[in-house]
Amino acid sequence: MLTQRIKQIIESARPQGWVLEPMAKEILADSGLTIPKGLLTGSFETARQFLEEVDGKVVIKAVSASIIHKTEHQAVVTGIDDPDTLSLQMKRLLSLKGCNQVLVEEMVSGIEILVGAKNDLQFGPVIVLGLGGTSVEIYNDTAIRLAPVTPADVFSMVDSLGAKPVFQGFRGRPGVNMEEMTRFLVAFSHLIMNLEPFFESIDLNPVICTPKSCIAVDARIMLLPV
């Protein structure tokens, strides 16, 4: 069942046809999925304080109803670790069309995977898994299952991928935490079942997986036409 807060987010986003990233991540977190530590702000001082608290690098993203695909507008800046760069990039992002606030988040490193969903007209919600980032476009290596999925389905999806060794770890590199990834995918599949009357597609690309956790660092929810 969807919480009242998730219903409110969906209803407020329906006129524009998609859910802004901070709200999309709120839906994920409310459904038990892990998102990066972050905040939404238009204040440099608030962003600077967050940078100091993180004690590491941050990423900032423009938040605007006019910007669906951020890479096309250079609306994402990663690897920021000093206040001067933060100030400069915040000013630039806040000058973009419709951008009054930015999403500031701690940077997470690990294996990038794609977790997605489509609301198929014939079969209903289906879940997609593959390598994330630009890899999904280069290798076209994904696995698809009907939602909701079970832990056995998740292992079967990984087994079917050409990138299976990356998930398992190879050449001394750590793989993903399969228990955490399975928990993430099962919870996500139940979420999309509950969202079936509302969503057209969902892209979590990438989800960063480490030997300890899986974190959705990007999220886009496209809604069905009203």
C-alpha atoms as a PDB file:
ATOM      1  CA  MET A   1       0.000   0.000   0.000  1.00  0.00           C
ATOM      2  CA  LEU A   2       1.166   3.529  -0.758  1.00  0.00           C
ATOM      3  CA  THR A   3       1.593   5.910   2.138  1.00  0.00           C
ATOM      4  CA  GLN A   4      -0.342   9.148   2.207  1.00  0.00           C
ATOM      5  CA  ARG A   5       2.881  11.061   1.573  1.00  0.00           C
ATOM      6  CA  ILE A   6       3.639   9.059  -1.588  1.00  0.00           C
ATOM      7  CA  LYS A   7       0.107   9.668  -2.844  1.00  0.00           C
ATOM      8  CA  GLN A   8       0.550  13.399  -2.241  1.00  0.00           C
ATOM      9  CA  ILE A   9       3.824  13.451  -4.188  1.00  0.00           C
ATOM     10  CA  ILE A  10       2.307  11.587  -7.123  1.00  0.00           C
ATOM     11  CA  GLU A  11      -0.771  13.803  -7.281  1.00  0.00           C
ATOM     12  CA  SER A  12       1.264  17.010  -7.152  1.00  0.00           C
ATOM     13  CA  ALA A  13       3.556  15.760  -9.941  1.00  0.00           C
ATOM     14  CA  ARG A  14       0.875  14.488 -12.318  1.00  0.00           C
ATOM     15  CA  PRO A  15       0.291  17.820 -14.139  1.00  0.00           C
ATOM     16  CA  GLN A  16       3.978  17.960 -15.210  1.00  0.00           C
ATOM     17  CA  GLY A  17       4.103  14.236 -15.978  1.00  0.00           C
ATOM     18  CA  TRP A  18       7.133  13.249 -13.897  1.00  0.00           C
ATOM     19  CA  VAL A  19       8.443  13.356 -10.347  1.00  0.00           C
ATOM     20  CA  LEU A  20      11.369  15.622  -9.503  1.00  0.00           C
ATOM     21  CA  GLU A  21      14.413  13.719  -8.214  1.00  0.00           C
ATOM     22  CA  PRO A  22      14.209  14.814  -4.547  1.00  0.00           C
ATOM     23  CA  MET A  23      10.579  13.723  -4.386  1.00  0.00           C
ATOM     24  CA  ALA A  24      11.305  10.506  -6.290  1.00  0.00           C
ATOM     25  CA  LYS A  25      13.988   9.693  -3.732  1.00  0.00           C
ATOM     26  CA  GLU A  26      11.567  10.474  -0.928  1.00  0.00           C
ATOM     27  CA  ILE A  27       9.259   7.835  -2.407  1.00  0.00           C
ATOM     28  CA  LEU A  28      12.144   5.344  -2.502  1.00  0.00           C
ATOM     29  CA  ALA A  29      13.188   6.062   1.078  1.00  0.00           C
ATOM     30  CA  ASP A  30       9.583   5.809   2.258  1.00  0.00           C
ATOM     31  CA  SER A  31       9.498   2.362   0.642  1.00  0.00           C
ATOM     32  CA  GLY A  32      12.587   1.105   2.462  1.00  0.00           C
ATOM     33  CA  LEU A  33      15.185   1.759  -0.246  1.00  0.00           C
ATOM     34  CA  THR A  34      18.501   3.425   0.556  1.00  0.00           C
ATOM     35  CA  ILE A  35      19.308   6.878  -0.841  1.00  0.00           C
ATOM     36  CA  PRO A  36      22.367   9.083  -0.276  1.00  0.00           C
ATOM     37  CA  LYS A  37      22.567  11.502   2.605  1.00  0.00           C
ATOM     38  CA  GLY A  38      21.618  14.886   1.198  1.00  0.00           C
ATOM     39  CA  LEU A  39      19.481  17.997   1.290  1.00  0.00           C
ATOM     40  CA  LEU A  40      17.518  20.303  -0.981  1.00  0.00           C
ATOM     41  CA  THR A  41      18.503  23.955  -0.706  1.00  0.00           C
ATOM     42  CA  GLY A  42      18.945  27.255  -2.464  1.00  0.00           C
ATOM     43  CA  SER A  43      21.302  28.546   0.204  1.00  0.00           C
ATOM     44  CA  PHE A  44      25.067  28.391  -0.264  1.00  0.00           C
ATOM     45  CA  GLU A  45      25.634  28.561   3.492  1.00  0.00           C
ATOM     46  CA  THR A  46      23.408  25.530   4.043  1.00  0.00           C
ATOM     47  CA  ALA A  47      25.200  23.651   1.260  1.00  0.00           C
ATOM     48  CA  ARG A  48      28.625  24.652   2.640  1.00  0.00           C
ATOM     49  CA  GLN A  49      27.690  23.404   6.102  1.00  0.00           C
ATOM     50  CA  PHE A  50      26.594  20.102   4.595  1.00  0.00           C
ATOM     51  CA  LEU A  51      29.919  19.816   2.745  1.00  0.00           C
ATOM     52  CA  GLU A  52      31.768  20.296   6.043  1.00  0.00           C
ATOM     53  CA  GLU A  53      29.612  17.716   7.805  1.00  0.00           C
ATOM     54  CA  VAL A  54      30.157  15.121   5.082  1.00  0.00           C
ATOM     55  CA  ASP A  55      33.928  15.528   5.345  1.00  0.00           C
ATOM     56  CA  GLY A  56      34.339  14.274   1.815  1.00  0.00           C
ATOM     57  CA  LYS A  57      33.149  14.986  -1.713  1.00  0.00           C
ATOM     58  CA  VAL A  58      29.623  15.959  -2.675  1.00  0.00           C
ATOM     59  CA  VAL A  59      27.570  16.061  -5.842  1.00  0.00           C
ATOM     60  CA  ILE A  60      25.126  18.854  -6.650  1.00  0.00           C
ATOM     61  CA  LYS A  61      22.228  18.664  -9.091  1.00  0.00           C
ATOM     62  CA  ALA A  62      19.865  21.248 -10.510  1.00  0.00           C
ATOM     63  CA  VAL A  63      16.240  20.681  -9.542  1.00  0.00           C
ATOM     64  CA  SER A  64      13.875  22.069 -12.146  1.00  0.00           C
ATOM     65  CA  ALA A  65      10.630  20.975 -13.734  1.00  0.00           C
ATOM     66  CA  SER A  66      12.148  22.193 -17.022  1.00  0.00           C
ATOM     67  CA  ILE A  67      15.104  19.780 -16.816  1.00  0.00           C
ATOM     68  CA  ILE A  68      14.267  16.090 -17.171  1.00  0.00           C
ATOM     69  CA  HIS A  69      17.606  14.880 -18.564  1.00  0.00           C
ATOM     70  CA  LYS A  70      20.262  16.622 -16.493  1.00  0.00           C
ATOM     71  CA  THR A  71      23.259  15.571 -18.581  1.00  0.00           C
ATOM     72  CA  GLU A  72      21.892  17.494 -21.561  1.00  0.00           C
ATOM     73  CA  HIS A  73      22.060  20.696 -19.506  1.00  0.00           C
ATOM     74  CA  GLN A  74      25.270  19.949 -17.580  1.00  0.00           C
ATOM     75  CA  ALA A  75      23.042  20.059 -14.520  1.00  0.00           C
ATOM     76  CA  VAL A  76      25.081  17.624 -12.411  1.00  0.00           C
ATOM     77  CA  VAL A  77      28.464  18.386 -10.849  1.00  0.00           C
ATOM     78  CA  THR A  78      30.382  15.649  -9.047  1.00  0.00           C
ATOM     79  CA  GLY A  79      33.512  15.523  -6.929  1.00  0.00           C
ATOM     80  CA  ILE A  80      33.121  18.866  -5.170  1.00  0.00           C
ATOM     81  CA  ASP A  81      35.301  19.066  -2.060  1.00  0.00           C
ATOM     82  CA  ASP A  82      35.874  22.778  -1.457  1.00  0.00           C
ATOM     83  CA  PRO A  83      33.567  25.766  -0.746  1.00  0.00           C
ATOM     84  CA  ASP A  84      34.819  27.889  -3.673  1.00  0.00           C
ATOM     85  CA  THR A  85      33.913  25.242  -6.259  1.00  0.00           C
ATOM     86  CA  LEU A  86      30.627  24.619  -4.474  1.00  0.00           C
ATOM     87  CA  SER A  87      29.736  28.323  -4.617  1.00  0.00           C
ATOM     88  CA  LEU A  88      30.717  28.684  -8.284  1.00  0.00           C
ATOM     89  CA  GLN A  89      28.771  25.618  -9.408  1.00  0.00           C
ATOM     90  CA  MET A  90      25.718  26.422  -7.286  1.00  0.00           C
ATOM     91  CA  LYS A  91      25.479  29.853  -8.915  1.00  0.00           C
ATOM     92  CA  ARG A  92      25.682  28.274 -12.356  1.00  0.00           C
ATOM     93  CA  LEU A  93      23.039  25.633 -11.623  1.00  0.00           C
ATOM     94  CA  LEU A  94      20.687  28.152 -10.021  1.00  0.00           C
ATOM     95  CA  SER A  95      20.872  30.205 -13.234  1.00  0.00           C
ATOM     96  CA  LEU A  96      19.407  27.338 -15.264  1.00  0.00           C
ATOM     97  CA  LYS A  97      15.791  27.555 -16.376  1.00  0.00           C
ATOM     98  CA  GLY A  98      13.336  26.895 -13.553  1.00  0.00           C
ATOM     99  CA  CYS A  99      16.041  26.055 -11.009  1.00  0.00           C
ATOM    100  CA  ASN A 100      15.516  27.620  -7.600  1.00  0.00           C
ATOM    101  CA  GLN A 101      17.110  24.875  -5.515  1.00  0.00           C
ATOM    102  CA  VAL A 102      19.824  22.274  -5.868  1.00  0.00           C
ATOM    103  CA  LEU A 103      20.101  18.772  -4.463  1.00  0.00           C
ATOM    104  CA  VAL A 104      23.339  18.383  -2.525  1.00  0.00           C
ATOM    105  CA  GLU A 105      24.375  14.809  -1.702  1.00  0.00           C
ATOM    106  CA  GLU A 106      27.388  12.935  -0.408  1.00  0.00           C
ATOM    107  CA  MET A 107      29.252  11.073  -3.140  1.00  0.00           C
ATOM    108  CA  VAL A 108      29.105   7.290  -3.099  1.00  0.00           C
ATOM    109  CA  SER A 109      31.515   4.978  -4.905  1.00  0.00           C
ATOM    110  CA  GLY A 110      31.095   1.362  -5.955  1.00  0.00           C
ATOM    111  CA  ILE A 111      29.702  -0.716  -8.791  1.00  0.00           C
ATOM    112  CA  GLU A 112      27.123   1.152 -10.871  1.00  0.00           C
ATOM    113  CA  ILE A 113      24.047  -0.905 -11.697  1.00  0.00           C
ATOM    114  CA  LEU A 114      20.817  -0.044 -13.460  1.00  0.00           C
ATOM    115  CA  VAL A 115      17.528  -0.795 -11.755  1.00  0.00           C
ATOM    116  CA  GLY A 116      14.478   0.167 -13.739  1.00  0.00           C
ATOM    117  CA  ALA A 117      10.818  -0.545 -14.298  1.00  0.00           C
ATOM    118  CA  LYS A 118       8.341  -0.265 -17.129  1.00  0.00           C
ATOM    119  CA  ASN A 119       4.582  -0.457 -16.957  1.00  0.00           C
ATOM    120  CA  ASP A 120       3.887  -2.824 -19.848  1.00  0.00           C
ATOM    121  CA  LEU A 121       0.418  -2.494 -21.369  1.00  0.00           C
ATOM    122  CA  GLN A 122       0.071  -6.279 -21.641  1.00  0.00           C
ATOM    123  CA  PHE A 123       2.044  -7.676 -18.706  1.00  0.00           C
ATOM    124  CA  GLY A 124       1.951  -4.861 -16.163  1.00  0.00           C
ATOM    125  CA  PRO A 125       5.018  -3.760 -14.178  1.00  0.00           C
ATOM    126  CA  VAL A 126       8.319  -5.361 -15.176  1.00  0.00           C
ATOM    127  CA  ILE A 127      11.680  -4.854 -13.496  1.00  0.00           C
ATOM    128  CA  VAL A 128      14.994  -4.364 -15.316  1.00  0.00           C
ATOM    129  CA  LEU A 129      18.506  -5.062 -14.014  1.00  0.00           C
ATOM    130  CA  GLY A 130      21.903  -4.482 -15.623  1.00  0.00           C
ATOM    131  CA  LEU A 131      25.164  -2.607 -15.343  1.00  0.00           C
ATOM    132  CA  GLY A 132      24.527   1.087 -14.826  1.00  0.00           C
ATOM    133  CA  GLY A 133      25.924   4.365 -16.076  1.00  0.00           C
ATOM    134  CA  THR A 134      26.791   4.435 -19.769  1.00  0.00           C
ATOM    135  CA  SER A 135      27.500   0.685 -19.737  1.00  0.00           C
ATOM    136  CA  VAL A 136      23.835  -0.170 -20.249  1.00  0.00           C
ATOM    137  CA  GLU A 137      23.836   1.746 -23.554  1.00  0.00           C
ATOM    138  CA  ILE A 138      27.130   0.231 -24.737  1.00  0.00           C
ATOM    139  CA  TYR A 139      26.574  -3.434 -23.918  1.00  0.00           C
ATOM    140  CA  ASN A 140      22.758  -3.721 -23.988  1.00  0.00           C
ATOM    141  CA  ASP A 141      23.077  -6.360 -21.263  1.00  0.00           C
ATOM    142  CA  THR A 142      19.952  -6.381 -19.122  1.00  0.00           C
ATOM    143  CA  ALA A 143      17.636  -8.896 -17.475  1.00  0.00           C
ATOM    144  CA  ILE A 144      13.862  -8.427 -17.239  1.00  0.00           C
ATOM    145  CA  ARG A 145      11.319 -10.098 -14.951  1.00  0.00           C
ATOM    146  CA  LEU A 146       7.678  -9.568 -14.104  1.00  0.00           C
ATOM    147  CA  ALA A 147       7.076  -7.838 -10.788  1.00  0.00           C
ATOM    148  CA  PRO A 148       7.026  -8.623  -7.967  1.00  0.00           C
ATOM    149  CA  VAL A 149      10.293 -10.565  -7.899  1.00  0.00           C
ATOM    150  CA  THR A 150      11.522 -13.078  -5.355  1.00  0.00           C
ATOM    151  CA  PRO A 151      15.112 -13.537  -4.111  1.00  0.00           C
ATOM    152  CA  ALA A 152      15.411 -16.506  -6.482  1.00  0.00           C
ATOM    153  CA  ASP A 153      14.373 -14.247  -9.370  1.00  0.00           C
ATOM    154  CA  VAL A 154      17.122 -11.770  -8.491  1.00  0.00           C
ATOM    155  CA  PHE A 155      19.821 -14.458  -8.533  1.00  0.00           C
ATOM    156  CA  SER A 156      18.413 -15.749 -11.822  1.00  0.00           C
ATOM    157  CA  MET A 157      18.595 -12.255 -13.321  1.00  0.00           C
ATOM    158  CA  VAL A 158      22.242 -11.870 -12.328  1.00  0.00           C
ATOM    159  CA  ASP A 159      23.052 -15.345 -13.685  1.00  0.00           C
ATOM    160  CA  SER A 160      21.633 -14.356 -17.087  1.00  0.00           C
ATOM    161  CA  LEU A 161      23.840 -11.282 -17.461  1.00  0.00           C
ATOM    162  CA  GLY A 162      27.072 -11.225 -19.395  1.00  0.00           C
ATOM    163  CA  ALA A 163      28.274  -8.856 -16.682  1.00  0.00           C
ATOM    164  CA  LYS A 164      27.736 -11.501 -13.978  1.00  0.00           C
ATOM    165  CA  PRO A 165      31.466 -11.519 -13.035  1.00  0.00           C
ATOM    166  CA  VAL A 166      31.262  -7.794 -12.250  1.00  0.00           C
ATOM    167  CA  PHE A 167      28.426  -8.432  -9.796  1.00  0.00           C
ATOM    168  CA  GLN A 168      30.356 -11.292  -8.206  1.00  0.00           C
ATOM    169  CA  GLY A 169      33.711  -9.524  -8.106  1.00  0.00           C
ATOM    170  CA  PHE A 170      36.694 -10.338 -10.315  1.00  0.00           C
ATOM    171  CA  ARG A 171      40.447  -9.650 -10.598  1.00  0.00           C
ATOM    172  CA  GLY A 172      40.587  -8.831  -6.929  1.00  0.00           C
ATOM    173  CA  ARG A 173      37.796  -6.279  -7.102  1.00  0.00           C
ATOM    174  CA  PRO A 174      34.906  -6.621  -4.667  1.00  0.00           C
ATOM    175  CA  GLY A 175      31.472  -7.524  -6.014  1.00  0.00           C
ATOM    176  CA  VAL A 176      28.089  -6.360  -4.824  1.00  0.00           C
ATOM    177  CA  ASN A 177      26.468  -7.433  -1.597  1.00  0.00           C
ATOM    178  CA  MET A 178      23.956  -9.879  -3.084  1.00  0.00           C
ATOM    179  CA  GLU A 179      21.861  -9.943   0.083  1.00  0.00           C
ATOM    180  CA  GLU A 180      21.505  -6.144   0.035  1.00  0.00           C
ATOM    181  CA  MET A 181      20.902  -6.004  -3.702  1.00  0.00           C
ATOM    182  CA  THR A 182      18.256  -8.696  -3.420  1.00  0.00           C
ATOM    183  CA  ARG A 183      16.536  -6.809  -0.609  1.00  0.00           C
ATOM    184  CA  PHE A 184      16.663  -3.639  -2.721  1.00  0.00           C
ATOM    185  CA  LEU A 185      15.201  -5.276  -5.835  1.00  0.00           C
ATOM    186  CA  VAL A 186      12.454  -7.131  -3.987  1.00  0.00           C
ATOM    187  CA  ALA A 187      11.380  -3.948  -2.190  1.00  0.00           C
ATOM    188  CA  PHE A 188      11.545  -1.971  -5.437  1.00  0.00           C
ATOM    189  CA  SER A 189       9.411  -4.556  -7.228  1.00  0.00           C
ATOM    190  CA  HIS A 190       6.710  -4.272  -4.560  1.00  0.00           C
ATOM    191  CA  LEU A 191       6.831  -0.495  -4.840  1.00  0.00           C
ATOM    192  CA  ILE A 192       6.228  -0.569  -8.597  1.00  0.00           C
ATOM    193  CA  MET A 193       3.297  -2.936  -8.098  1.00  0.00           C
ATOM    194  CA  ASN A 194       1.751  -0.352  -5.783  1.00  0.00           C
ATOM    195  CA  LEU A 195       2.551   2.432  -8.252  1.00  0.00           C
ATOM    196  CA  GLU A 196       1.057   0.539 -11.219  1.00  0.00           C
ATOM    197  CA  PRO A 197      -1.947   2.883 -11.673  1.00  0.00           C
ATOM    198  CA  PHE A 198       0.351   5.900 -11.878  1.00  0.00           C
ATOM    199  CA  PHE A 199       3.751   5.266 -13.446  1.00  0.00           C
ATOM    200  CA  GLU A 200       4.959   4.753 -17.001  1.00  0.00           C
ATOM    201  CA  SER A 201       8.653   4.103 -16.311  1.00  0.00           C
ATOM    202  CA  ILE A 202      11.181   4.398 -13.492  1.00  0.00           C
ATOM    203  CA  ASP A 203      14.940   4.705 -13.911  1.00  0.00           C
ATOM    204  CA  LEU A 204      17.366   4.339 -11.033  1.00  0.00           C
ATOM    205  CA  ASN A 205      20.607   4.781 -12.920  1.00  0.00           C
ATOM    206  CA  PRO A 206      22.859   4.335 -11.267  1.00  0.00           C
ATOM    207  CA  VAL A 207      22.315   2.428  -8.083  1.00  0.00           C
ATOM    208  CA  ILE A 208      25.730   2.235  -6.424  1.00  0.00           C
ATOM    209  CA  CYS A 209      26.435  -1.166  -4.918  1.00  0.00           C
ATOM    210  CA  THR A 210      29.306  -1.932  -2.550  1.00  0.00           C
ATOM    211  CA  PRO A 211      30.160  -4.967  -0.425  1.00  0.00           C
ATOM    212  CA  LYS A 212      27.965  -3.372   2.255  1.00  0.00           C
ATOM    213  CA  SER A 213      24.988  -1.649   0.625  1.00  0.00           C
ATOM    214  CA  CYS A 214      23.063  -0.564  -2.482  1.00  0.00           C
ATOM    215  CA  ILE A 215      22.201   3.128  -2.756  1.00  0.00           C
ATOM    216  CA  ALA A 216      19.976   4.805  -5.368  1.00  0.00           C
ATOM    217  CA  VAL A 217      21.994   7.886  -6.335  1.00  0.00           C
ATOM    218  CA  ASP A 218      19.701   8.902  -9.200  1.00  0.00           C
ATOM    219  CA  ALA A 219      15.962   8.477  -9.682  1.00  0.00           C
ATOM    220  CA  ARG A 220      13.456   9.482 -12.351  1.00  0.00           C
ATOM    221  CA  ILE A 221       9.773   8.525 -12.267  1.00  0.00           C
ATOM    222  CA  MET A 222       7.728   9.171 -15.419  1.00  0.00           C
ATOM    223  CA  LEU A 223       3.980   9.167 -14.871  1.00  0.00           C
ATOM    224  CA  LEU A 224       1.141   7.935 -17.042  1.00  0.00           C
ATOM    225  CA  PRO A 225      -0.789  10.702 -18.836  1.00  0.00           C
ATOM    226  CA  VAL A 226      -3.607  12.144 -16.768  1.00  0.00           C
END
